[in-house]
Amino acid sequence: MTQPDRAPGAHRAVVFDMDGVLVDSEHLWERMWARFAAARDQTWTAEQTRQVQGMSAPEWSAFLARFSLAEESASETERIVVDDMIVALEAGEIELLPGAERMVLEVSERVVIGLASSAPRRLIDAVLDLHALSDCFSATVSSAEVPRGKPSPDVYLAAANKLGRHPRECLAVEDSSNGLRSAAAAEMTVVAIPSADYPPAEDALTGASFVAADLDEVRVRLLESLTTPVVG
C-alpha cells in the first residue's frame, strides 16, 4: 500500500538520489567495500551491504574500518574506497542508467532539480561532470554534509532548502530502503524505482506515492506531477 500522491501540478522541484537512480554504481560500492575487507582478511557479505546502504561516507567508512579490523582510520578508509570508485568511474564503469539523461534534462527544463546522495562530495561532482549533467542541478547535497545520513531526512531537507522550496513542494526519486525512508521522513512525495539487485524493504515502499518499473515511467510520472515551468 502506498501513500496518496498530492494533486497533479502541486510540485515545484524534484530531488534525485544518485546511486541506483541516475547511475549504475551500487554493485561497485559493494565490490570496493568487499575488496577493502578482503585485503584485511575479513569477508564482506550482502548482509553488511544491506546494513550500510544509505549511510553517509563517514558512517559507512567507520563501519567498514571496524568490520575489517583495519589499522586505518575511518577517514583513511573512506579515501581508499572513494579512490577506487573514482578509478572505476574513469574506466567507464559508472554509467548512466537507461533513461536517466532524458529524465534529468526534461525535468530540469520544467522545475529546479537537486541531488540528495549518500555518496561523498568528491564522487558526486566527478560523476555529474563526467556525464555532463552538473549544469542541470541547482543544488547537490552529500549526506556527509548534514548531521545524519539516510534514513534520517537531513539530506533531503538540506536539498529542499538549497532549492528554495518547501519539502512538501518537492518530488523525490529513490531506490533503496533507507533512501525511501529518508525522503518520506522529509515529507516529500516519493517516487520509488526499486532495484532488482538490491530490492527495498516492503515497509520502506509504503512511503512512496508511486512505484515505477523503469526511469521512463519515473520521467512521465514526474512531468505529470509538476507545475508549469518556473524560474529560480
Foldseek 3Di string as FASTA:
>chain_A
DADADDDAALAFEEEEEPDPQFKPCLVVLQVLLQVVLVVLVAGDDVVLSLVCVFFAQLVNLCVSCVRSVHPDHSVVSSVSSVVSVLVCVVVVNIDTDPQNVVLLVVLLQAHAYEYQYSYDPVVVVVVCVVVVNVVSHQYYFHCVVFDTTFPAQTSVCVRCVSRVHQQCNYEYEEAELRVLNNSLNSVHAYEYEHDPVHGYDPVSNRSHNYYDPDNVRVSVVSVRRHHGGDDD
